[in-house]
């Protein structure tokens, strides 16, 4: 089983936006999907997830509508907005720059 890792600041927002790009989900569904795609490296608890979801909603990048989960409980289902898609594209570009720079710093010989 992979060891869990700490999320870098801003990474959780990126992961939530990316998750919702694929399809609308409720909070637990978002956390489950992040854990699934990262193969257990990132496990997001409610104390981190819901403040991030509320922050993204306040910025207008996601919106929530009340609905029903698979097991018939009332949940808020979150959807990526148009401005959220634009933000996700910008975040992806920035992440590629950061990744490339860190990779160079960690692998280049003196």
PDB file of N, CA and C in Angstrom:
ATOM      1  N   UNK A   1       0.843  -1.179   0.000  1.00  0.00           N
ATOM      2  CA  UNK A   1       0.000   0.000   0.000  1.00  0.00           C
ATOM      3  C   UNK A   1       0.888   1.242   0.000  1.00  0.00           C
ATOM      4  N   UNK A   2       0.581   2.236  -0.884  1.00  0.00           N
ATOM      5  CA  UNK A   2       1.412   3.431  -0.947  1.00  0.00           C
ATOM      6  C   UNK A   2       1.311   4.240   0.338  1.00  0.00           C
ATOM      7  N   UNK A   3       2.396   4.917   0.650  1.00  0.00           N
ATOM      8  CA  UNK A   3       2.403   5.778   1.819  1.00  0.00           C
ATOM      9  C   UNK A   3       1.674   7.069   1.476  1.00  0.00           C
ATOM     10  N   UNK A   4       0.876   7.577   2.422  1.00  0.00           N
ATOM     11  CA  UNK A   4       0.181   8.834   2.209  1.00  0.00           C
ATOM     12  C   UNK A   4       1.185   9.967   2.206  1.00  0.00           C
ATOM     13  N   UNK A   5       0.857  11.020   1.472  1.00  0.00           N
ATOM     14  CA  UNK A   5       1.740  12.181   1.373  1.00  0.00           C
ATOM     15  C   UNK A   5       0.950  13.434   1.707  1.00  0.00           C
ATOM     16  N   UNK A   6       1.665  14.457   2.130  1.00  0.00           N
ATOM     17  CA  UNK A   6       1.030  15.739   2.393  1.00  0.00           C
ATOM     18  C   UNK A   6       0.830  16.471   1.081  1.00  0.00           C
ATOM     19  N   UNK A   7      -0.328  17.109   0.953  1.00  0.00           N
ATOM     20  CA  UNK A   7      -0.605  17.916  -0.225  1.00  0.00           C
ATOM     21  C   UNK A   7       0.106  19.260  -0.099  1.00  0.00           C
ATOM     22  N   UNK A   8       0.730  19.708  -1.164  1.00  0.00           N
ATOM     23  CA  UNK A   8       1.310  21.044  -1.193  1.00  0.00           C
ATOM     24  C   UNK A   8       0.185  22.059  -1.216  1.00  0.00           C
ATOM     25  N   UNK A   9       0.428  23.243  -0.668  1.00  0.00           N
ATOM     26  CA  UNK A   9      -0.592  24.275  -0.662  1.00  0.00           C
ATOM     27  C   UNK A   9      -1.048  24.553  -2.089  1.00  0.00           C
ATOM     28  N   UNK A  10      -2.347  24.612  -2.298  1.00  0.00           N
ATOM     29  CA  UNK A  10      -2.915  24.860  -3.614  1.00  0.00           C
ATOM     30  C   UNK A  10      -3.175  23.602  -4.411  1.00  0.00           C
ATOM     31  N   UNK A  11      -2.546  22.504  -4.050  1.00  0.00           N
ATOM     32  CA  UNK A  11      -2.714  21.261  -4.790  1.00  0.00           C
ATOM     33  C   UNK A  11      -4.112  20.684  -4.616  1.00  0.00           C
ATOM     34  N   UNK A  12      -4.673  20.814  -3.418  1.00  0.00           N
ATOM     35  CA  UNK A  12      -6.013  20.278  -3.182  1.00  0.00           C
ATOM     36  C   UNK A  12      -7.030  20.962  -4.082  1.00  0.00           C
ATOM     37  N   UNK A  13      -6.931  22.279  -4.227  1.00  0.00           N
ATOM     38  CA  UNK A  13      -7.850  22.985  -5.121  1.00  0.00           C
ATOM     39  C   UNK A  13      -7.736  22.442  -6.541  1.00  0.00           C
ATOM     40  N   UNK A  14      -6.525  22.259  -6.996  1.00  0.00           N
ATOM     41  CA  UNK A  14      -6.294  21.721  -8.339  1.00  0.00           C
ATOM     42  C   UNK A  14      -6.896  20.328  -8.483  1.00  0.00           C
ATOM     43  N   UNK A  15      -6.708  19.484  -7.482  1.00  0.00           N
ATOM     44  CA  UNK A  15      -7.260  18.127  -7.539  1.00  0.00           C
ATOM     45  C   UNK A  15      -8.790  18.136  -7.544  1.00  0.00           C
ATOM     46  N   UNK A  16      -9.389  19.022  -6.775  1.00  0.00           N
ATOM     47  CA  UNK A  16     -10.854  19.108  -6.756  1.00  0.00           C
ATOM     48  C   UNK A  16     -11.371  19.590  -8.102  1.00  0.00           C
ATOM     49  N   UNK A  17     -10.760  20.636  -8.641  1.00  0.00           N
ATOM     50  CA  UNK A  17     -11.190  21.141  -9.948  1.00  0.00           C
ATOM     51  C   UNK A  17     -11.057  20.068 -11.021  1.00  0.00           C
ATOM     52  N   UNK A  18      -9.940  19.371 -11.020  1.00  0.00           N
ATOM     53  CA  UNK A  18      -9.718  18.311 -12.014  1.00  0.00           C
ATOM     54  C   UNK A  18     -10.743  17.185 -11.855  1.00  0.00           C
ATOM     55  N   UNK A  19     -11.030  16.819 -10.626  1.00  0.00           N
ATOM     56  CA  UNK A  19     -12.003  15.762 -10.362  1.00  0.00           C
ATOM     57  C   UNK A  19     -13.377  16.161 -10.897  1.00  0.00           C
ATOM     58  N   UNK A  20     -13.760  17.403 -10.672  1.00  0.00           N
ATOM     59  CA  UNK A  20     -15.075  17.857 -11.129  1.00  0.00           C
ATOM     60  C   UNK A  20     -15.109  18.142 -12.625  1.00  0.00           C
ATOM     61  N   UNK A  21     -13.951  18.259 -13.247  1.00  0.00           N
ATOM     62  CA  UNK A  21     -13.916  18.399 -14.707  1.00  0.00           C
ATOM     63  C   UNK A  21     -14.477  17.139 -15.364  1.00  0.00           C
ATOM     64  N   UNK A  22     -14.252  16.022 -14.724  1.00  0.00           N
ATOM     65  CA  UNK A  22     -14.671  14.740 -15.286  1.00  0.00           C
ATOM     66  C   UNK A  22     -16.165  14.488 -15.134  1.00  0.00           C
ATOM     67  N   UNK A  23     -16.709  14.880 -13.943  1.00  0.00           N
ATOM     68  CA  UNK A  23     -18.159  14.731 -13.729  1.00  0.00           C
ATOM     69  C   UNK A  23     -18.541  15.348 -12.390  1.00  0.00           C
ATOM     70  N   UNK A  24     -19.802  15.765 -12.260  1.00  0.00           N
ATOM     71  CA  UNK A  24     -20.267  16.296 -10.978  1.00  0.00           C
ATOM     72  C   UNK A  24     -20.228  15.214  -9.898  1.00  0.00           C
ATOM     73  N   UNK A  25     -19.862  15.607  -8.682  1.00  0.00           N
ATOM     74  CA  UNK A  25     -19.783  14.674  -7.555  1.00  0.00           C
ATOM     75  C   UNK A  25     -20.138  15.387  -6.262  1.00  0.00           C
ATOM     76  N   UNK A  26     -20.529  14.615  -5.266  1.00  0.00           N
ATOM     77  CA  UNK A  26     -20.715  15.150  -3.914  1.00  0.00           C
ATOM     78  C   UNK A  26     -19.380  15.066  -3.185  1.00  0.00           C
ATOM     79  N   UNK A  27     -19.305  15.670  -2.003  1.00  0.00           N
ATOM     80  CA  UNK A  27     -18.045  15.788  -1.272  1.00  0.00           C
ATOM     81  C   UNK A  27     -17.309  14.488  -1.064  1.00  0.00           C
ATOM     82  N   UNK A  28     -18.017  13.481  -0.541  1.00  0.00           N
ATOM     83  CA  UNK A  28     -17.357  12.189  -0.293  1.00  0.00           C
ATOM     84  C   UNK A  28     -16.903  11.571  -1.609  1.00  0.00           C
ATOM     85  N   UNK A  29     -17.680  11.769  -2.665  1.00  0.00           N
ATOM     86  CA  UNK A  29     -17.294  11.258  -3.985  1.00  0.00           C
ATOM     87  C   UNK A  29     -16.021  11.908  -4.490  1.00  0.00           C
ATOM     88  N   UNK A  30     -15.871  13.213  -4.216  1.00  0.00           N
ATOM     89  CA  UNK A  30     -14.648  13.924  -4.608  1.00  0.00           C
ATOM     90  C   UNK A  30     -13.451  13.325  -3.875  1.00  0.00           C
ATOM     91  N   UNK A  31     -13.585  13.174  -2.553  1.00  0.00           N
ATOM     92  CA  UNK A  31     -12.483  12.623  -1.751  1.00  0.00           C
ATOM     93  C   UNK A  31     -12.144  11.206  -2.184  1.00  0.00           C
ATOM     94  N   UNK A  32     -13.165  10.399  -2.433  1.00  0.00           N
ATOM     95  CA  UNK A  32     -12.935   9.016  -2.865  1.00  0.00           C
ATOM     96  C   UNK A  32     -12.207   8.968  -4.204  1.00  0.00           C
ATOM     97  N   UNK A  33     -12.597   9.844  -5.120  1.00  0.00           N
ATOM     98  CA  UNK A  33     -11.981   9.859  -6.451  1.00  0.00           C
ATOM     99  C   UNK A  33     -10.513  10.290  -6.364  1.00  0.00           C
ATOM    100  N   UNK A  34     -10.226  11.299  -5.540  1.00  0.00           N
ATOM    101  CA  UNK A  34      -8.839  11.734  -5.372  1.00  0.00           C
ATOM    102  C   UNK A  34      -8.000  10.599  -4.804  1.00  0.00           C
ATOM    103  N   UNK A  35      -8.521   9.915  -3.808  1.00  0.00           N
ATOM    104  CA  UNK A  35      -7.788   8.780  -3.234  1.00  0.00           C
ATOM    105  C   UNK A  35      -7.583   7.682  -4.274  1.00  0.00           C
ATOM    106  N   UNK A  36      -8.612   7.438  -5.087  1.00  0.00           N
ATOM    107  CA  UNK A  36      -8.528   6.392  -6.110  1.00  0.00           C
ATOM    108  C   UNK A  36      -7.479   6.716  -7.173  1.00  0.00           C
ATOM    109  N   UNK A  37      -7.529   7.928  -7.743  1.00  0.00           N
ATOM    110  CA  UNK A  37      -6.611   8.250  -8.841  1.00  0.00           C
ATOM    111  C   UNK A  37      -5.180   8.426  -8.371  1.00  0.00           C
ATOM    112  N   UNK A  38      -4.991   8.762  -7.094  1.00  0.00           N
ATOM    113  CA  UNK A  38      -3.625   8.889  -6.568  1.00  0.00           C
ATOM    114  C   UNK A  38      -3.163   7.588  -5.918  1.00  0.00           C
ATOM    115  N   UNK A  39      -3.968   6.556  -6.068  1.00  0.00           N
ATOM    116  CA  UNK A  39      -3.668   5.226  -5.520  1.00  0.00           C
ATOM    117  C   UNK A  39      -3.345   5.284  -4.031  1.00  0.00           C
ATOM    118  N   UNK A  40      -4.139   6.088  -3.323  1.00  0.00           N
ATOM    119  CA  UNK A  40      -4.024   6.157  -1.880  1.00  0.00           C
ATOM    120  C   UNK A  40      -2.940   7.067  -1.340  1.00  0.00           C
ATOM    121  N   UNK A  41      -2.215   7.735  -2.226  1.00  0.00           N
ATOM    122  CA  UNK A  41      -1.159   8.637  -1.754  1.00  0.00           C
ATOM    123  C   UNK A  41      -1.774   9.878  -1.106  1.00  0.00           C
ATOM    124  N   UNK A  42      -2.871  10.385  -1.683  1.00  0.00           N
ATOM    125  CA  UNK A  42      -3.569  11.526  -1.100  1.00  0.00           C
ATOM    126  C   UNK A  42      -4.924  11.073  -0.590  1.00  0.00           C
ATOM    127  N   UNK A  43      -5.096  11.158   0.718  1.00  0.00           N
ATOM    128  CA  UNK A  43      -6.381  10.858   1.361  1.00  0.00           C
ATOM    129  C   UNK A  43      -6.855  12.169   1.970  1.00  0.00           C
ATOM    130  N   UNK A  44      -7.978  12.662   1.471  1.00  0.00           N
ATOM    131  CA  UNK A  44      -8.477  13.973   1.881  1.00  0.00           C
ATOM    132  C   UNK A  44      -9.638  13.780   2.854  1.00  0.00           C
ATOM    133  N   UNK A  45      -9.435  14.229   4.072  1.00  0.00           N
ATOM    134  CA  UNK A  45     -10.475  14.152   5.081  1.00  0.00           C
ATOM    135  C   UNK A  45     -11.434  15.323   4.986  1.00  0.00           C
ATOM    136  N   UNK A  46     -12.582  15.217   5.647  1.00  0.00           N
ATOM    137  CA  UNK A  46     -13.589  16.276   5.588  1.00  0.00           C
ATOM    138  C   UNK A  46     -13.084  17.623   6.119  1.00  0.00           C
ATOM    139  N   UNK A  47     -12.161  17.607   7.073  1.00  0.00           N
ATOM    140  CA  UNK A  47     -11.628  18.847   7.620  1.00  0.00           C
ATOM    141  C   UNK A  47     -10.809  19.652   6.634  1.00  0.00           C
ATOM    142  N   UNK A  48     -10.300  18.997   5.600  1.00  0.00           N
ATOM    143  CA  UNK A  48      -9.578  19.683   4.523  1.00  0.00           C
ATOM    144  C   UNK A  48     -10.471  19.883   3.305  1.00  0.00           C
ATOM    145  N   UNK A  49     -11.276  18.864   2.997  1.00  0.00           N
ATOM    146  CA  UNK A  49     -12.079  18.892   1.779  1.00  0.00           C
ATOM    147  C   UNK A  49     -13.133  19.995   1.797  1.00  0.00           C
ATOM    148  N   UNK A  50     -13.941  20.029   2.842  1.00  0.00           N
ATOM    149  CA  UNK A  50     -15.082  20.944   2.812  1.00  0.00           C
ATOM    150  C   UNK A  50     -14.695  22.416   2.880  1.00  0.00           C
ATOM    151  N   UNK A  51     -13.671  22.817   3.644  1.00  0.00           N
ATOM    152  CA  UNK A  51     -13.238  24.220   3.532  1.00  0.00           C
ATOM    153  C   UNK A  51     -12.746  24.560   2.113  1.00  0.00           C
ATOM    154  N   UNK A  52     -12.072  23.628   1.471  1.00  0.00           N
ATOM    155  CA  UNK A  52     -11.595  23.860   0.097  1.00  0.00           C
ATOM    156  C   UNK A  52     -12.774  23.969  -0.863  1.00  0.00           C
ATOM    157  N   UNK A  53     -13.749  23.090  -0.726  1.00  0.00           N
ATOM    158  CA  UNK A  53     -14.938  23.126  -1.589  1.00  0.00           C
ATOM    159  C   UNK A  53     -15.671  24.457  -1.398  1.00  0.00           C
ATOM    160  N   UNK A  54     -15.844  24.894  -0.158  1.00  0.00           N
ATOM    161  CA  UNK A  54     -16.527  26.166   0.100  1.00  0.00           C
ATOM    162  C   UNK A  54     -15.732  27.333  -0.487  1.00  0.00           C
ATOM    163  N   UNK A  55     -14.417  27.290  -0.364  1.00  0.00           N
ATOM    164  CA  UNK A  55     -13.561  28.348  -0.923  1.00  0.00           C
ATOM    165  C   UNK A  55     -13.707  28.409  -2.450  1.00  0.00           C
ATOM    166  N   UNK A  56     -13.711  27.255  -3.091  1.00  0.00           N
ATOM    167  CA  UNK A  56     -13.852  27.213  -4.555  1.00  0.00           C
ATOM    168  C   UNK A  56     -15.227  27.702  -4.990  1.00  0.00           C
ATOM    169  N   UNK A  57     -16.251  27.381  -4.206  1.00  0.00           N
ATOM    170  CA  UNK A  57     -17.607  27.855  -4.514  1.00  0.00           C
ATOM    171  C   UNK A  57     -17.694  29.372  -4.362  1.00  0.00           C
ATOM    172  N   UNK A  58     -17.072  29.915  -3.321  1.00  0.00           N
ATOM    173  CA  UNK A  58     -17.064  31.364  -3.110  1.00  0.00           C
ATOM    174  C   UNK A  58     -16.383  32.094  -4.260  1.00  0.00           C
ATOM    175  N   UNK A  59     -15.370  31.461  -4.836  1.00  0.00           N
ATOM    176  CA  UNK A  59     -14.668  32.066  -5.974  1.00  0.00           C
ATOM    177  C   UNK A  59     -15.439  31.902  -7.279  1.00  0.00           C
ATOM    178  N   UNK A  60     -16.512  31.113  -7.251  1.00  0.00           N
ATOM    179  CA  UNK A  60     -17.321  30.902  -8.448  1.00  0.00           C
ATOM    180  C   UNK A  60     -16.784  29.834  -9.376  1.00  0.00           C
ATOM    181  N   UNK A  61     -15.819  29.045  -8.910  1.00  0.00           N
ATOM    182  CA  UNK A  61     -15.211  28.030  -9.765  1.00  0.00           C
ATOM    183  C   UNK A  61     -15.987  26.724  -9.760  1.00  0.00           C
ATOM    184  N   UNK A  62     -16.759  26.488  -8.708  1.00  0.00           N
ATOM    185  CA  UNK A  62     -17.655  25.335  -8.654  1.00  0.00           C
ATOM    186  C   UNK A  62     -18.985  25.818  -8.085  1.00  0.00           C
ATOM    187  N   UNK A  63     -20.031  25.039  -8.334  1.00  0.00           N
ATOM    188  CA  UNK A  63     -21.316  25.347  -7.722  1.00  0.00           C
ATOM    189  C   UNK A  63     -21.962  24.056  -7.257  1.00  0.00           C
ATOM    190  N   UNK A  64     -22.740  24.177  -6.211  1.00  0.00           N
ATOM    191  CA  UNK A  64     -23.373  23.006  -5.628  1.00  0.00           C
ATOM    192  C   UNK A  64     -24.883  23.078  -5.727  1.00  0.00           C
ATOM    193  N   UNK A  65     -25.475  21.938  -5.992  1.00  0.00           N
ATOM    194  CA  UNK A  65     -26.927  21.787  -6.046  1.00  0.00           C
ATOM    195  C   UNK A  65     -27.307  20.591  -5.193  1.00  0.00           C
ATOM    196  N   UNK A  66     -28.377  20.723  -4.436  1.00  0.00           N
ATOM    197  CA  UNK A  66     -28.809  19.593  -3.628  1.00  0.00           C
ATOM    198  C   UNK A  66     -29.362  18.499  -4.523  1.00  0.00           C
ATOM    199  N   UNK A  67     -28.998  17.266  -4.198  1.00  0.00           N
ATOM    200  CA  UNK A  67     -29.443  16.109  -4.957  1.00  0.00           C
ATOM    201  C   UNK A  67     -29.440  14.874  -4.080  1.00  0.00           C
ATOM    202  N   UNK A  68     -29.464  13.740  -4.730  1.00  0.00           N
ATOM    203  CA  UNK A  68     -29.525  12.468  -4.017  1.00  0.00           C
ATOM    204  C   UNK A  68     -28.325  11.606  -4.391  1.00  0.00           C
ATOM    205  N   UNK A  69     -27.717  10.995  -3.382  1.00  0.00           N
ATOM    206  CA  UNK A  69     -26.576  10.120  -3.632  1.00  0.00           C
ATOM    207  C   UNK A  69     -27.059   8.763  -4.123  1.00  0.00           C
ATOM    208  N   UNK A  70     -26.083   7.907  -4.435  1.00  0.00           N
ATOM    209  CA  UNK A  70     -26.406   6.560  -4.905  1.00  0.00           C
ATOM    210  C   UNK A  70     -27.214   5.777  -3.873  1.00  0.00           C
ATOM    211  N   UNK A  71     -26.974   6.062  -2.589  1.00  0.00           N
ATOM    212  CA  UNK A  71     -27.705   5.332  -1.544  1.00  0.00           C
ATOM    213  C   UNK A  71     -28.897   6.130  -1.012  1.00  0.00           C
ATOM    214  N   UNK A  72     -29.374   7.076  -1.832  1.00  0.00           N
ATOM    215  CA  UNK A  72     -30.614   7.822  -1.578  1.00  0.00           C
ATOM    216  C   UNK A  72     -30.544   8.797  -0.402  1.00  0.00           C
ATOM    217  N   UNK A  73     -29.355   9.287  -0.055  1.00  0.00           N
ATOM    218  CA  UNK A  73     -29.248  10.321   0.968  1.00  0.00           C
ATOM    219  C   UNK A  73     -29.128  11.678   0.284  1.00  0.00           C
ATOM    220  N   UNK A  74     -29.535  12.722   0.982  1.00  0.00           N
ATOM    221  CA  UNK A  74     -29.485  14.070   0.433  1.00  0.00           C
ATOM    222  C   UNK A  74     -28.050  14.580   0.523  1.00  0.00           C
ATOM    223  N   UNK A  75     -27.505  14.993  -0.610  1.00  0.00           N
ATOM    224  CA  UNK A  75     -26.133  15.485  -0.677  1.00  0.00           C
ATOM    225  C   UNK A  75     -26.073  16.701  -1.594  1.00  0.00           C
ATOM    226  N   UNK A  76     -25.020  17.486  -1.419  1.00  0.00           N
ATOM    227  CA  UNK A  76     -24.783  18.593  -2.337  1.00  0.00           C
ATOM    228  C   UNK A  76     -23.836  18.085  -3.414  1.00  0.00           C
ATOM    229  N   UNK A  77     -24.252  18.201  -4.655  1.00  0.00           N
ATOM    230  CA  UNK A  77     -23.472  17.729  -5.793  1.00  0.00           C
ATOM    231  C   UNK A  77     -22.819  18.944  -6.448  1.00  0.00           C
ATOM    232  N   UNK A  78     -21.503  18.871  -6.586  1.00  0.00           N
ATOM    233  CA  UNK A  78     -20.724  19.997  -7.089  1.00  0.00           C
ATOM    234  C   UNK A  78     -20.393  19.823  -8.567  1.00  0.00           C
ATOM    235  N   UNK A  79     -20.443  20.958  -9.279  1.00  0.00           N
ATOM    236  CA  UNK A  79     -20.181  20.997 -10.715  1.00  0.00           C
ATOM    237  C   UNK A  79     -19.154  22.084 -10.992  1.00  0.00           C
ATOM    238  N   UNK A  80     -18.286  21.849 -11.939  1.00  0.00           N
ATOM    239  CA  UNK A  80     -17.303  22.845 -12.362  1.00  0.00           C
ATOM    240  C   UNK A  80     -18.010  23.896 -13.218  1.00  0.00           C
ATOM    241  N   UNK A  81     -17.758  25.168 -12.940  1.00  0.00           N
ATOM    242  CA  UNK A  81     -18.346  26.261 -13.728  1.00  0.00           C
ATOM    243  C   UNK A  81     -17.422  26.624 -14.892  1.00  0.00           C
ATOM    244  N   UNK A  82     -17.890  27.514 -15.741  1.00  0.00           N
ATOM    245  CA  UNK A  82     -17.050  27.991 -16.838  1.00  0.00           C
ATOM    246  C   UNK A  82     -15.785  28.667 -16.342  1.00  0.00           C
ATOM    247  N   UNK A  83     -15.918  29.502 -15.319  1.00  0.00           N
ATOM    248  CA  UNK A  83     -14.717  30.150 -14.779  1.00  0.00           C
ATOM    249  C   UNK A  83     -13.834  29.132 -14.063  1.00  0.00           C
ATOM    250  N   UNK A  84     -14.435  28.072 -13.530  1.00  0.00           N
ATOM    251  CA  UNK A  84     -13.660  26.991 -12.930  1.00  0.00           C
ATOM    252  C   UNK A  84     -12.833  26.248 -13.972  1.00  0.00           C
ATOM    253  N   UNK A  85     -13.413  26.060 -15.155  1.00  0.00           N
ATOM    254  CA  UNK A  85     -12.663  25.415 -16.251  1.00  0.00           C
ATOM    255  C   UNK A  85     -11.468  26.271 -16.667  1.00  0.00           C
ATOM    256  N   UNK A  86     -11.687  27.582 -16.737  1.00  0.00           N
ATOM    257  CA  UNK A  86     -10.591  28.494 -17.091  1.00  0.00           C
ATOM    258  C   UNK A  86      -9.513  28.462 -16.011  1.00  0.00           C
ATOM    259  N   UNK A  87      -9.919  28.460 -14.748  1.00  0.00           N
ATOM    260  CA  UNK A  87      -8.958  28.403 -13.644  1.00  0.00           C
ATOM    261  C   UNK A  87      -8.184  27.099 -13.670  1.00  0.00           C
ATOM    262  N   UNK A  88      -8.881  25.995 -13.940  1.00  0.00           N
ATOM    263  CA  UNK A  88      -8.219  24.692 -14.017  1.00  0.00           C
ATOM    264  C   UNK A  88      -7.155  24.699 -15.112  1.00  0.00           C
ATOM    265  N   UNK A  89      -7.480  25.268 -16.259  1.00  0.00           N
ATOM    266  CA  UNK A  89      -6.495  25.336 -17.356  1.00  0.00           C
ATOM    267  C   UNK A  89      -5.271  26.135 -16.920  1.00  0.00           C
ATOM    268  N   UNK A  90      -5.496  27.255 -16.242  1.00  0.00           N
ATOM    269  CA  UNK A  90      -4.372  28.070 -15.757  1.00  0.00           C
ATOM    270  C   UNK A  90      -3.561  27.312 -14.712  1.00  0.00           C
ATOM    271  N   UNK A  91      -4.245  26.616 -13.799  1.00  0.00           N
ATOM    272  CA  UNK A  91      -3.559  25.843 -12.764  1.00  0.00           C
ATOM    273  C   UNK A  91      -2.736  24.701 -13.367  1.00  0.00           C
ATOM    274  N   UNK A  92      -3.272  24.064 -14.400  1.00  0.00           N
ATOM    275  CA  UNK A  92      -2.524  22.984 -15.063  1.00  0.00           C
ATOM    276  C   UNK A  92      -1.244  23.524 -15.684  1.00  0.00           C
ATOM    277  N   UNK A  93      -1.340  24.689 -16.342  1.00  0.00           N
ATOM    278  CA  UNK A  93      -0.137  25.293 -16.948  1.00  0.00           C
ATOM    279  C   UNK A  93       0.888  25.616 -15.868  1.00  0.00           C
ATOM    280  N   UNK A  94       0.426  26.203 -14.769  1.00  0.00           N
ATOM    281  CA  UNK A  94       1.335  26.545 -13.681  1.00  0.00           C
ATOM    282  C   UNK A  94       1.966  25.287 -13.087  1.00  0.00           C
ATOM    283  N   UNK A  95       1.165  24.243 -12.897  1.00  0.00           N
ATOM    284  CA  UNK A  95       1.688  23.006 -12.321  1.00  0.00           C
ATOM    285  C   UNK A  95       2.777  22.418 -13.216  1.00  0.00           C
ATOM    286  N   UNK A  96       2.607  22.473 -14.524  1.00  0.00           N
ATOM    287  CA  UNK A  96       3.631  21.967 -15.443  1.00  0.00           C
ATOM    288  C   UNK A  96       4.935  22.746 -15.293  1.00  0.00           C
ATOM    289  N   UNK A  97       4.853  24.068 -15.120  1.00  0.00           N
ATOM    290  CA  UNK A  97       6.051  24.881 -14.912  1.00  0.00           C
ATOM    291  C   UNK A  97       6.750  24.489 -13.616  1.00  0.00           C
ATOM    292  N   UNK A  98       5.961  24.351 -12.542  1.00  0.00           N
ATOM    293  CA  UNK A  98       6.532  23.979 -11.246  1.00  0.00           C
ATOM    294  C   UNK A  98       7.165  22.596 -11.328  1.00  0.00           C
ATOM    295  N   UNK A  99       6.458  21.652 -11.921  1.00  0.00           N
ATOM    296  CA  UNK A  99       6.973  20.286 -12.043  1.00  0.00           C
ATOM    297  C   UNK A  99       8.276  20.270 -12.834  1.00  0.00           C
ATOM    298  N   UNK A 100       8.302  20.951 -13.951  1.00  0.00           N
ATOM    299  CA  UNK A 100       9.496  20.977 -14.799  1.00  0.00           C
ATOM    300  C   UNK A 100      10.675  21.589 -14.044  1.00  0.00           C
ATOM    301  N   UNK A 101      10.440  22.707 -13.365  1.00  0.00           N
ATOM    302  CA  UNK A 101      11.511  23.369 -12.622  1.00  0.00           C
ATOM    303  C   UNK A 101      12.023  22.487 -11.484  1.00  0.00           C
ATOM    304  N   UNK A 102      11.127  21.862 -10.743  1.00  0.00           N
ATOM    305  CA  UNK A 102      11.540  20.997  -9.638  1.00  0.00           C
ATOM    306  C   UNK A 102      12.284  19.774 -10.169  1.00  0.00           C
ATOM    307  N   UNK A 103      11.820  19.217 -11.253  1.00  0.00           N
ATOM    308  CA  UNK A 103      12.477  18.062 -11.848  1.00  0.00           C
ATOM    309  C   UNK A 103      13.893  18.416 -12.263  1.00  0.00           C
ATOM    310  N   UNK A 104      14.057  19.589 -12.870  1.00  0.00           N
ATOM    311  CA  UNK A 104      15.412  20.031 -13.254  1.00  0.00           C
ATOM    312  C   UNK A 104      16.293  20.206 -12.021  1.00  0.00           C
ATOM    313  N   UNK A 105      15.750  20.849 -11.001  1.00  0.00           N
ATOM    314  CA  UNK A 105      16.528  21.110  -9.786  1.00  0.00           C
ATOM    315  C   UNK A 105      16.947  19.819  -9.099  1.00  0.00           C
ATOM    316  N   UNK A 106      16.118  18.810  -9.161  1.00  0.00           N
ATOM    317  CA  UNK A 106      16.402  17.563  -8.467  1.00  0.00           C
ATOM    318  C   UNK A 106      17.243  16.570  -9.270  1.00  0.00           C
ATOM    319  N   UNK A 107      17.315  16.766 -10.591  1.00  0.00           N
ATOM    320  CA  UNK A 107      18.019  15.772 -11.405  1.00  0.00           C
ATOM    321  C   UNK A 107      19.275  16.306 -12.083  1.00  0.00           C
ATOM    322  N   UNK A 108      19.420  17.605 -12.207  1.00  0.00           N
ATOM    323  CA  UNK A 108      20.584  18.142 -12.897  1.00  0.00           C
ATOM    324  C   UNK A 108      21.857  17.941 -12.118  1.00  0.00           C
ATOM    325  N   UNK A 109      22.905  17.585 -12.839  1.00  0.00           N
ATOM    326  CA  UNK A 109      24.235  17.429 -12.250  1.00  0.00           C
ATOM    327  C   UNK A 109      24.868  18.795 -12.091  1.00  0.00           C
ATOM    328  N   UNK A 110      25.769  18.927 -11.141  1.00  0.00           N
ATOM    329  CA  UNK A 110      26.464  20.221 -10.909  1.00  0.00           C
ATOM    330  C   UNK A 110      27.358  20.569 -12.062  1.00  0.00           C
TER     331      UNK A 110
END
